[in-house]
Amino acid sequence: MSISVLDMSVSLDGYIADPDDFLGGDDGERLHKWADVDGEPSVKQFRDEWSAAGAVLAGRRTAELMDHWGGSHAGLPIIVPSHRPPGPAARWGYPLVTYVTDGIESAMAQAKAVAGDRDVQVRGAYTGQRAIEAGVLDEVQIHLIPVLLGHGRRLFDVLPSLVELEIVRVIDTPEATHIRYRIRR
């Protein structure tokens, strides 16, 4: 059975990007540098997990900032929940990108249907928050980066209520601490 996993890199003070959507550091990529460390077994493990997924559910802001990953997320279909129809590139140029306008529940159901028995990788803070709120997100995987950004966009800004999590796995490396949680229902 497919599970949905919000997978995000975050600074110790809870930010996923600065106010201009850069991911920290002089080159704007500080929060993702951990994934570029060759030879680190955990990096290979996460890459294998991402590659084994069956679909990506990405918020519209994230999808547009990433130009819909050029039309596929490493060959995976991309489901985008949105209240507005897609722009021209996503509408005509990216056949693996599907915009869903009837809510996060429907978008997640469609992503899980496409994924089959493989995971749905969830991208985007707002979309993750709405999926938690709707009860359709199963797990959260955080790549906690040892840096304080001090300001920017937070991962969990607004949640409707207390959300209890159960730790599933912790992997500690010099570049990041990777924590996977299951959402308690």
N, C-alpha and C. Protein backbone atom coordinates (compact mmCIF):
# COMPACT_ATOMS: atom_id res chain seq x y z
N MET A 1 0.83 -1.19 0.00
CA MET A 1 0.00 0.00 0.00
C MET A 1 0.88 1.25 0.00
N SER A 2 0.51 2.20 -0.77
CA SER A 2 1.26 3.45 -0.90
C SER A 2 1.16 4.28 0.38
N ILE A 3 2.27 4.91 0.75
CA ILE A 3 2.24 5.89 1.84
C ILE A 3 2.73 7.22 1.28
N SER A 4 2.27 8.29 1.89
CA SER A 4 2.68 9.63 1.49
C SER A 4 3.69 10.16 2.49
N VAL A 5 4.78 10.74 1.97
CA VAL A 5 5.88 11.20 2.82
C VAL A 5 6.26 12.63 2.42
N LEU A 6 6.06 13.57 3.34
CA LEU A 6 6.57 14.92 3.15
C LEU A 6 8.06 14.85 3.42
N ASP A 7 8.89 15.17 2.44
CA ASP A 7 10.34 15.04 2.54
C ASP A 7 10.96 16.41 2.31
N MET A 8 11.52 17.00 3.37
CA MET A 8 12.01 18.38 3.29
C MET A 8 13.32 18.54 4.07
N SER A 9 14.20 19.36 3.54
CA SER A 9 15.38 19.81 4.27
C SER A 9 15.02 21.09 4.99
N VAL A 10 15.50 21.22 6.24
CA VAL A 10 15.11 22.36 7.07
C VAL A 10 16.28 22.78 7.96
N SER A 11 16.40 24.08 8.18
CA SER A 11 17.43 24.57 9.10
C SER A 11 17.01 24.26 10.53
N LEU A 12 17.96 24.33 11.44
CA LEU A 12 17.66 24.05 12.85
C LEU A 12 16.59 24.99 13.40
N ASP A 13 16.51 26.21 12.87
CA ASP A 13 15.49 27.15 13.35
C ASP A 13 14.19 27.06 12.54
N GLY A 14 14.04 26.00 11.75
CA GLY A 14 12.74 25.70 11.14
C GLY A 14 12.47 26.29 9.77
N TYR A 15 13.50 26.82 9.10
CA TYR A 15 13.28 27.44 7.80
C TYR A 15 13.63 26.50 6.65
N ILE A 16 12.85 26.59 5.58
CA ILE A 16 13.11 25.80 4.38
C ILE A 16 13.69 26.65 3.26
N ALA A 17 13.64 27.96 3.42
CA ALA A 17 14.20 28.89 2.43
C ALA A 17 14.25 30.28 3.04
N ASP A 18 15.05 31.14 2.44
CA ASP A 18 15.06 32.52 2.89
C ASP A 18 13.87 33.26 2.26
N PRO A 19 13.67 34.53 2.57
CA PRO A 19 12.50 35.24 2.02
C PRO A 19 12.46 35.30 0.49
N ASP A 20 13.61 35.13 -0.16
CA ASP A 20 13.67 35.16 -1.63
C ASP A 20 13.68 33.76 -2.24
N ASP A 21 13.33 32.76 -1.44
CA ASP A 21 13.25 31.36 -1.87
C ASP A 21 14.59 30.70 -2.15
N PHE A 22 15.69 31.30 -1.68
CA PHE A 22 16.97 30.63 -1.76
C PHE A 22 17.08 29.70 -0.55
N LEU A 23 17.84 28.62 -0.71
CA LEU A 23 17.91 27.60 0.33
C LEU A 23 19.10 27.79 1.26
N GLY A 24 19.51 29.03 1.44
CA GLY A 24 20.58 29.36 2.38
C GLY A 24 21.96 29.33 1.76
N GLY A 25 22.88 30.08 2.37
CA GLY A 25 24.27 30.11 1.91
C GLY A 25 24.48 31.03 0.73
N ASP A 26 25.75 31.27 0.42
CA ASP A 26 26.10 32.18 -0.67
C ASP A 26 25.59 31.72 -2.02
N ASP A 27 25.53 30.40 -2.21
CA ASP A 27 25.08 29.89 -3.51
C ASP A 27 23.58 29.56 -3.51
N GLY A 28 22.91 29.80 -2.39
CA GLY A 28 21.48 29.56 -2.31
C GLY A 28 21.08 28.12 -2.16
N GLU A 29 22.03 27.22 -1.86
CA GLU A 29 21.73 25.79 -1.79
C GLU A 29 22.17 25.12 -0.49
N ARG A 30 22.43 25.89 0.56
CA ARG A 30 22.96 25.32 1.80
C ARG A 30 22.12 24.16 2.34
N LEU A 31 20.81 24.25 2.25
CA LEU A 31 19.95 23.22 2.84
C LEU A 31 19.97 21.91 2.06
N HIS A 32 20.50 21.91 0.85
CA HIS A 32 20.53 20.67 0.06
C HIS A 32 21.93 20.12 -0.17
N LYS A 33 22.95 20.78 0.40
CA LYS A 33 24.32 20.32 0.18
C LYS A 33 24.56 18.91 0.72
N TRP A 34 23.83 18.50 1.75
CA TRP A 34 24.00 17.16 2.31
C TRP A 34 23.77 16.08 1.25
N ALA A 35 22.88 16.33 0.29
CA ALA A 35 22.53 15.33 -0.72
C ALA A 35 23.60 15.22 -1.81
N ASP A 36 24.60 16.11 -1.78
CA ASP A 36 25.66 16.07 -2.78
C ASP A 36 26.92 15.37 -2.29
N VAL A 37 26.88 14.79 -1.08
CA VAL A 37 28.05 14.15 -0.51
C VAL A 37 28.16 12.73 -1.05
N ASP A 38 29.08 12.53 -1.98
CA ASP A 38 29.28 11.20 -2.55
C ASP A 38 29.95 10.28 -1.54
N GLY A 39 29.59 9.03 -1.58
CA GLY A 39 30.18 8.04 -0.68
C GLY A 39 29.48 7.92 0.66
N GLU A 40 28.57 8.83 0.97
CA GLU A 40 27.83 8.75 2.22
C GLU A 40 26.68 7.75 2.03
N PRO A 41 26.67 6.65 2.81
CA PRO A 41 25.64 5.63 2.63
C PRO A 41 24.21 6.15 2.77
N SER A 42 24.00 7.10 3.66
CA SER A 42 22.63 7.61 3.84
C SER A 42 22.16 8.38 2.60
N VAL A 43 23.07 9.07 1.92
CA VAL A 43 22.69 9.79 0.71
C VAL A 43 22.20 8.80 -0.34
N LYS A 44 22.91 7.70 -0.52
CA LYS A 44 22.48 6.66 -1.46
C LYS A 44 21.13 6.09 -1.04
N GLN A 45 20.95 5.87 0.26
CA GLN A 45 19.68 5.33 0.76
C GLN A 45 18.52 6.27 0.41
N PHE A 46 18.69 7.57 0.63
CA PHE A 46 17.62 8.52 0.33
C PHE A 46 17.38 8.62 -1.17
N ARG A 47 18.45 8.62 -1.94
CA ARG A 47 18.27 8.65 -3.40
C ARG A 47 17.51 7.42 -3.89
N ASP A 48 17.83 6.26 -3.30
CA ASP A 48 17.10 5.04 -3.65
C ASP A 48 15.63 5.14 -3.28
N GLU A 49 15.35 5.71 -2.11
CA GLU A 49 13.95 5.89 -1.68
C GLU A 49 13.21 6.81 -2.65
N TRP A 50 13.83 7.93 -3.00
CA TRP A 50 13.19 8.87 -3.92
C TRP A 50 12.95 8.22 -5.28
N SER A 51 13.93 7.45 -5.75
CA SER A 51 13.80 6.78 -7.05
C SER A 51 12.73 5.69 -7.03
N ALA A 52 12.51 5.09 -5.87
CA ALA A 52 11.53 4.01 -5.74
C ALA A 52 10.10 4.53 -5.61
N ALA A 53 9.94 5.83 -5.44
CA ALA A 53 8.60 6.40 -5.31
C ALA A 53 7.82 6.22 -6.61
N GLY A 54 6.51 6.31 -6.50
CA GLY A 54 5.67 6.16 -7.68
C GLY A 54 5.09 7.45 -8.19
N ALA A 55 5.13 8.50 -7.37
CA ALA A 55 4.58 9.79 -7.77
C ALA A 55 5.08 10.87 -6.83
N VAL A 56 4.97 12.11 -7.29
CA VAL A 56 5.29 13.27 -6.47
C VAL A 56 4.05 14.14 -6.40
N LEU A 57 3.70 14.55 -5.19
CA LEU A 57 2.63 15.53 -4.98
C LEU A 57 3.33 16.81 -4.55
N ALA A 58 3.28 17.83 -5.38
CA ALA A 58 4.02 19.06 -5.11
C ALA A 58 3.08 20.25 -5.10
N GLY A 59 3.26 21.12 -4.14
CA GLY A 59 2.50 22.35 -4.11
C GLY A 59 2.77 23.18 -5.34
N ARG A 60 1.81 24.00 -5.70
CA ARG A 60 1.94 24.80 -6.92
C ARG A 60 3.17 25.72 -6.85
N ARG A 61 3.37 26.38 -5.72
CA ARG A 61 4.51 27.29 -5.58
C ARG A 61 5.82 26.54 -5.80
N THR A 62 5.95 25.39 -5.16
CA THR A 62 7.16 24.58 -5.30
C THR A 62 7.32 24.12 -6.75
N ALA A 63 6.24 23.60 -7.32
CA ALA A 63 6.31 23.11 -8.70
C ALA A 63 6.71 24.22 -9.67
N GLU A 64 6.15 25.40 -9.50
CA GLU A 64 6.48 26.50 -10.40
C GLU A 64 7.90 27.01 -10.16
N LEU A 65 8.34 27.09 -8.91
CA LEU A 65 9.72 27.51 -8.63
C LEU A 65 10.72 26.56 -9.28
N MET A 66 10.36 25.29 -9.35
CA MET A 66 11.23 24.27 -9.92
C MET A 66 10.94 24.03 -11.41
N ASP A 67 10.13 24.87 -12.01
CA ASP A 67 9.67 24.69 -13.39
C ASP A 67 9.19 23.26 -13.61
N HIS A 68 8.45 22.76 -12.64
CA HIS A 68 7.87 21.42 -12.70
C HIS A 68 8.94 20.35 -12.97
N TRP A 69 10.17 20.61 -12.51
CA TRP A 69 11.31 19.71 -12.71
C TRP A 69 11.45 19.31 -14.18
N GLY A 70 11.14 20.25 -15.04
CA GLY A 70 11.27 20.00 -16.47
C GLY A 70 10.21 19.06 -17.02
N GLY A 71 9.16 18.83 -16.27
CA GLY A 71 8.06 18.00 -16.74
C GLY A 71 7.94 16.65 -16.10
N SER A 72 8.96 16.24 -15.36
CA SER A 72 8.86 14.99 -14.59
C SER A 72 9.88 15.07 -13.46
N HIS A 73 9.58 14.46 -12.37
CA HIS A 73 10.48 14.43 -11.21
C HIS A 73 11.24 13.11 -11.30
N ALA A 74 12.35 13.12 -12.04
CA ALA A 74 13.14 11.91 -12.29
C ALA A 74 12.28 10.81 -12.91
N GLY A 75 11.42 11.21 -13.82
CA GLY A 75 10.56 10.25 -14.51
C GLY A 75 9.23 9.98 -13.83
N LEU A 76 9.02 10.55 -12.65
CA LEU A 76 7.78 10.31 -11.91
C LEU A 76 6.72 11.33 -12.30
N PRO A 77 5.46 10.90 -12.31
CA PRO A 77 4.39 11.86 -12.53
C PRO A 77 4.29 12.83 -11.36
N ILE A 78 3.90 14.05 -11.66
CA ILE A 78 3.78 15.10 -10.65
C ILE A 78 2.31 15.52 -10.58
N ILE A 79 1.76 15.45 -9.38
CA ILE A 79 0.39 15.89 -9.13
C ILE A 79 0.49 17.20 -8.36
N VAL A 80 -0.22 18.23 -8.84
CA VAL A 80 -0.15 19.57 -8.23
C VAL A 80 -1.54 20.00 -7.80
N PRO A 81 -1.80 20.04 -6.49
CA PRO A 81 -3.08 20.59 -6.04
C PRO A 81 -3.07 22.11 -6.20
N SER A 82 -4.13 22.67 -6.75
CA SER A 82 -4.18 24.11 -6.98
C SER A 82 -5.62 24.56 -7.12
N HIS A 83 -5.86 25.81 -6.80
CA HIS A 83 -7.19 26.39 -6.99
C HIS A 83 -7.31 27.03 -8.38
N ARG A 84 -6.18 27.10 -9.11
CA ARG A 84 -6.17 27.70 -10.44
C ARG A 84 -5.66 26.70 -11.45
N PRO A 85 -6.05 26.85 -12.69
CA PRO A 85 -5.54 25.95 -13.73
C PRO A 85 -4.05 26.18 -13.95
N PRO A 86 -3.37 25.21 -14.55
CA PRO A 86 -1.92 25.35 -14.77
C PRO A 86 -1.60 26.39 -15.83
N GLY A 87 -0.36 26.87 -15.77
CA GLY A 87 0.14 27.76 -16.80
C GLY A 87 0.43 26.98 -18.07
N PRO A 88 0.81 27.67 -19.15
CA PRO A 88 1.00 27.03 -20.45
C PRO A 88 1.99 25.87 -20.45
N ALA A 89 3.15 26.02 -19.81
CA ALA A 89 4.15 24.94 -19.85
C ALA A 89 3.59 23.66 -19.24
N ALA A 90 2.97 23.78 -18.07
CA ALA A 90 2.42 22.60 -17.41
C ALA A 90 1.22 22.05 -18.17
N ARG A 91 0.47 22.90 -18.79
CA ARG A 91 -0.74 22.48 -19.50
C ARG A 91 -0.43 21.72 -20.77
N TRP A 92 0.55 22.23 -21.56
CA TRP A 92 0.78 21.63 -22.88
C TRP A 92 2.13 20.94 -23.02
N GLY A 93 3.10 21.40 -22.27
CA GLY A 93 4.45 20.87 -22.48
C GLY A 93 4.88 19.76 -21.56
N TYR A 94 4.12 19.52 -20.50
CA TYR A 94 4.55 18.55 -19.50
C TYR A 94 3.46 17.50 -19.29
N PRO A 95 3.45 16.44 -20.08
CA PRO A 95 2.38 15.45 -19.97
C PRO A 95 2.34 14.68 -18.65
N LEU A 96 3.44 14.64 -17.90
CA LEU A 96 3.43 13.93 -16.62
C LEU A 96 2.99 14.82 -15.46
N VAL A 97 2.66 16.09 -15.74
CA VAL A 97 2.19 17.00 -14.70
C VAL A 97 0.68 17.11 -14.79
N THR A 98 0.02 16.85 -13.65
CA THR A 98 -1.44 16.93 -13.57
C THR A 98 -1.83 17.90 -12.48
N TYR A 99 -2.61 18.91 -12.83
CA TYR A 99 -3.15 19.84 -11.84
C TYR A 99 -4.50 19.32 -11.38
N VAL A 100 -4.71 19.34 -10.08
CA VAL A 100 -5.95 18.87 -9.47
C VAL A 100 -6.58 20.05 -8.75
N THR A 101 -7.78 20.43 -9.14
CA THR A 101 -8.41 21.65 -8.61
C THR A 101 -9.52 21.37 -7.60
N ASP A 102 -9.73 20.11 -7.23
CA ASP A 102 -10.83 19.82 -6.30
C ASP A 102 -10.35 19.38 -4.92
N GLY A 103 -9.20 19.91 -4.48
CA GLY A 103 -8.78 19.74 -3.09
C GLY A 103 -7.62 18.78 -2.89
N ILE A 104 -7.01 18.92 -1.73
CA ILE A 104 -5.83 18.12 -1.37
C ILE A 104 -6.18 16.64 -1.24
N GLU A 105 -7.39 16.34 -0.77
CA GLU A 105 -7.78 14.94 -0.63
C GLU A 105 -7.82 14.26 -1.99
N SER A 106 -8.40 14.92 -2.97
CA SER A 106 -8.47 14.37 -4.31
C SER A 106 -7.08 14.26 -4.93
N ALA A 107 -6.26 15.29 -4.73
CA ALA A 107 -4.90 15.27 -5.27
C ALA A 107 -4.10 14.10 -4.69
N MET A 108 -4.22 13.88 -3.39
CA MET A 108 -3.49 12.77 -2.77
C MET A 108 -4.03 11.43 -3.25
N ALA A 109 -5.33 11.32 -3.38
CA ALA A 109 -5.92 10.07 -3.88
C ALA A 109 -5.41 9.77 -5.30
N GLN A 110 -5.35 10.80 -6.13
CA GLN A 110 -4.85 10.60 -7.50
C GLN A 110 -3.37 10.24 -7.50
N ALA A 111 -2.58 10.89 -6.63
CA ALA A 111 -1.15 10.58 -6.54
C ALA A 111 -0.95 9.14 -6.07
N LYS A 112 -1.73 8.70 -5.07
CA LYS A 112 -1.59 7.33 -4.59
C LYS A 112 -2.06 6.32 -5.64
N ALA A 113 -3.07 6.66 -6.39
CA ALA A 113 -3.54 5.76 -7.45
C ALA A 113 -2.45 5.58 -8.52
N VAL A 114 -1.82 6.68 -8.90
CA VAL A 114 -0.74 6.63 -9.89
C VAL A 114 0.46 5.87 -9.33
N ALA A 115 0.75 6.06 -8.04
CA ALA A 115 1.92 5.43 -7.41
C ALA A 115 1.75 3.93 -7.22
N GLY A 116 0.51 3.46 -7.16
CA GLY A 116 0.28 2.04 -6.92
C GLY A 116 0.72 1.66 -5.52
N ASP A 117 1.63 0.69 -5.41
CA ASP A 117 2.10 0.28 -4.09
C ASP A 117 3.38 1.01 -3.68
N ARG A 118 3.79 1.98 -4.47
CA ARG A 118 5.00 2.75 -4.15
C ARG A 118 4.62 4.04 -3.43
N ASP A 119 5.60 4.67 -2.79
CA ASP A 119 5.37 5.89 -2.01
C ASP A 119 5.03 7.09 -2.89
N VAL A 120 4.36 8.04 -2.27
CA VAL A 120 4.15 9.36 -2.85
C VAL A 120 5.06 10.32 -2.11
N GLN A 121 5.97 10.94 -2.82
CA GLN A 121 6.85 11.94 -2.24
C GLN A 121 6.13 13.28 -2.28
N VAL A 122 6.01 13.93 -1.14
CA VAL A 122 5.31 15.22 -1.05
C VAL A 122 6.35 16.32 -0.93
N ARG A 123 6.17 17.38 -1.73
CA ARG A 123 7.09 18.51 -1.75
C ARG A 123 6.30 19.80 -1.53
N GLY A 124 6.81 20.65 -0.63
CA GLY A 124 6.22 21.96 -0.39
C GLY A 124 5.61 22.07 0.99
N ALA A 125 5.96 23.16 1.68
CA ALA A 125 5.50 23.37 3.05
C ALA A 125 3.98 23.54 3.14
N TYR A 126 3.43 24.42 2.34
CA TYR A 126 1.99 24.67 2.40
C TYR A 126 1.21 23.40 2.08
N THR A 127 1.62 22.69 1.06
CA THR A 127 0.94 21.45 0.68
C THR A 127 1.07 20.41 1.79
N GLY A 128 2.24 20.32 2.39
CA GLY A 128 2.41 19.40 3.52
C GLY A 128 1.49 19.75 4.68
N GLN A 129 1.39 21.04 4.98
CA GLN A 129 0.50 21.47 6.07
C GLN A 129 -0.95 21.14 5.77
N ARG A 130 -1.38 21.38 4.53
CA ARG A 130 -2.78 21.09 4.15
C ARG A 130 -3.04 19.58 4.15
N ALA A 131 -2.05 18.78 3.76
CA ALA A 131 -2.20 17.33 3.78
C ALA A 131 -2.32 16.81 5.21
N ILE A 132 -1.54 17.39 6.12
CA ILE A 132 -1.65 17.03 7.54
C ILE A 132 -3.04 17.40 8.05
N GLU A 133 -3.46 18.61 7.75
CA GLU A 133 -4.76 19.10 8.19
C GLU A 133 -5.90 18.21 7.68
N ALA A 134 -5.78 17.74 6.45
CA ALA A 134 -6.84 16.90 5.85
C ALA A 134 -6.74 15.43 6.26
N GLY A 135 -5.65 15.08 6.96
CA GLY A 135 -5.49 13.69 7.40
C GLY A 135 -5.04 12.75 6.29
N VAL A 136 -4.41 13.28 5.23
CA VAL A 136 -3.99 12.42 4.12
C VAL A 136 -2.47 12.27 4.01
N LEU A 137 -1.72 12.85 4.95
CA LEU A 137 -0.27 12.67 4.96
C LEU A 137 0.06 11.60 5.99
N ASP A 138 0.90 10.64 5.59
CA ASP A 138 1.22 9.52 6.47
C ASP A 138 2.50 9.73 7.27
N GLU A 139 3.53 10.29 6.63
CA GLU A 139 4.82 10.43 7.29
C GLU A 139 5.49 11.76 6.92
N VAL A 140 6.44 12.15 7.77
CA VAL A 140 7.24 13.35 7.55
C VAL A 140 8.70 12.94 7.68
N GLN A 141 9.49 13.25 6.67
CA GLN A 141 10.92 12.99 6.74
C GLN A 141 11.64 14.33 6.68
N ILE A 142 12.37 14.62 7.73
CA ILE A 142 13.08 15.89 7.85
C ILE A 142 14.58 15.64 7.75
N HIS A 143 15.22 16.44 6.93
CA HIS A 143 16.68 16.44 6.85
C HIS A 143 17.10 17.72 7.59
N LEU A 144 17.46 17.57 8.85
CA LEU A 144 17.75 18.71 9.72
C LEU A 144 19.20 19.14 9.52
N ILE A 145 19.36 20.35 9.02
CA ILE A 145 20.67 20.85 8.63
C ILE A 145 21.25 21.70 9.76
N PRO A 146 22.52 21.49 10.14
CA PRO A 146 23.11 22.24 11.24
C PRO A 146 23.47 23.67 10.84
N VAL A 147 22.43 24.47 10.62
CA VAL A 147 22.62 25.88 10.28
C VAL A 147 21.40 26.64 10.80
N LEU A 148 21.61 27.88 11.18
CA LEU A 148 20.52 28.77 11.57
C LEU A 148 20.39 29.84 10.49
N LEU A 149 19.28 29.82 9.77
CA LEU A 149 19.07 30.81 8.71
C LEU A 149 18.60 32.15 9.27
N GLY A 150 17.90 32.13 10.39
CA GLY A 150 17.49 33.37 11.05
C GLY A 150 16.22 34.00 10.55
N HIS A 151 15.80 33.70 9.33
CA HIS A 151 14.57 34.27 8.78
C HIS A 151 14.24 33.54 7.48
N GLY A 152 13.03 33.74 7.02
CA GLY A 152 12.64 33.14 5.75
C GLY A 152 11.30 32.45 5.82
N ARG A 153 11.17 31.36 5.07
CA ARG A 153 9.93 30.59 5.00
C ARG A 153 10.04 29.37 5.91
N ARG A 154 9.09 29.26 6.81
CA ARG A 154 9.09 28.15 7.76
C ARG A 154 8.41 26.92 7.17
N LEU A 155 8.83 25.76 7.64
CA LEU A 155 8.21 24.52 7.19
C LEU A 155 6.81 24.38 7.76
N PHE A 156 6.66 24.59 9.05
CA PHE A 156 5.35 24.44 9.68
C PHE A 156 4.95 25.76 10.32
N ASP A 157 4.34 26.61 9.53
CA ASP A 157 3.90 27.91 10.01
C ASP A 157 2.55 27.82 10.71
N VAL A 158 1.59 27.22 10.03
CA VAL A 158 0.23 27.20 10.55
C VAL A 158 -0.34 25.79 10.44
N LEU A 159 -0.60 25.20 11.58
CA LEU A 159 -1.29 23.91 11.64
C LEU A 159 -2.56 24.09 12.45
N PRO A 160 -3.60 23.33 12.15
CA PRO A 160 -4.89 23.54 12.79
C PRO A 160 -4.91 23.14 14.26
N SER A 161 -4.03 22.22 14.66
CA SER A 161 -4.03 21.74 16.04
C SER A 161 -2.75 20.96 16.28
N LEU A 162 -2.64 20.44 17.48
CA LEU A 162 -1.50 19.61 17.85
C LEU A 162 -1.45 18.38 16.95
N VAL A 163 -0.27 18.04 16.46
CA VAL A 163 -0.09 16.85 15.64
C VAL A 163 0.96 15.98 16.33
N GLU A 164 0.57 14.79 16.72
CA GLU A 164 1.50 13.87 17.39
C GLU A 164 2.23 13.04 16.35
N LEU A 165 3.53 12.86 16.56
CA LEU A 165 4.37 12.11 15.65
C LEU A 165 5.06 10.98 16.40
N GLU A 166 5.36 9.93 15.68
CA GLU A 166 6.11 8.80 16.22
C GLU A 166 7.40 8.69 15.41
N ILE A 167 8.53 8.65 16.09
CA ILE A 167 9.81 8.54 15.39
C ILE A 167 9.93 7.14 14.81
N VAL A 168 10.21 7.08 13.50
CA VAL A 168 10.37 5.82 12.80
C VAL A 168 11.85 5.50 12.61
N ARG A 169 12.65 6.55 12.34
CA ARG A 169 14.06 6.31 12.04
C ARG A 169 14.84 7.60 12.25
N VAL A 170 16.08 7.46 12.73
CA VAL A 170 17.00 8.59 12.85
C VAL A 170 18.35 8.15 12.27
N ILE A 171 18.86 8.95 11.35
CA ILE A 171 20.19 8.71 10.78
C ILE A 171 20.97 10.00 10.98
N ASP A 172 22.08 9.90 11.69
CA ASP A 172 22.89 11.07 11.98
C ASP A 172 24.15 11.05 11.13
N THR A 173 24.41 12.14 10.43
CA THR A 173 25.62 12.28 9.62
C THR A 173 26.23 13.64 9.94
N PRO A 174 27.47 13.88 9.54
CA PRO A 174 28.06 15.19 9.79
C PRO A 174 27.33 16.34 9.08
N GLU A 175 26.67 16.05 7.96
CA GLU A 175 26.01 17.09 7.18
C GLU A 175 24.56 17.34 7.59
N ALA A 176 23.92 16.35 8.21
CA ALA A 176 22.50 16.48 8.56
C ALA A 176 22.09 15.34 9.48
N THR A 177 21.02 15.60 10.21
CA THR A 177 20.35 14.54 10.96
C THR A 177 19.02 14.30 10.25
N HIS A 178 18.82 13.07 9.85
CA HIS A 178 17.64 12.69 9.06
C HIS A 178 16.67 11.98 9.99
N ILE A 179 15.49 12.56 10.15
CA ILE A 179 14.50 12.01 11.07
C ILE A 179 13.22 11.73 10.30
N ARG A 180 12.74 10.50 10.42
CA ARG A 180 11.48 10.13 9.77
C ARG A 180 10.45 9.86 10.85
N TYR A 181 9.29 10.49 10.68
CA TYR A 181 8.19 10.38 11.65
C TYR A 181 6.96 9.80 10.98
N ARG A 182 6.18 9.06 11.73
CA ARG A 182 4.84 8.63 11.31
C ARG A 182 3.85 9.53 12.03
N ILE A 183 2.84 9.97 11.32
CA ILE A 183 1.81 10.81 11.92
C ILE A 183 0.83 9.91 12.66
N ARG A 184 0.66 10.19 13.93
CA ARG A 184 -0.29 9.41 14.73
C ARG A 184 -1.70 9.87 14.44
N ARG A 185 -2.58 8.94 14.30
CA ARG A 185 -4.00 9.27 14.05
C ARG A 185 -4.83 8.80 15.21
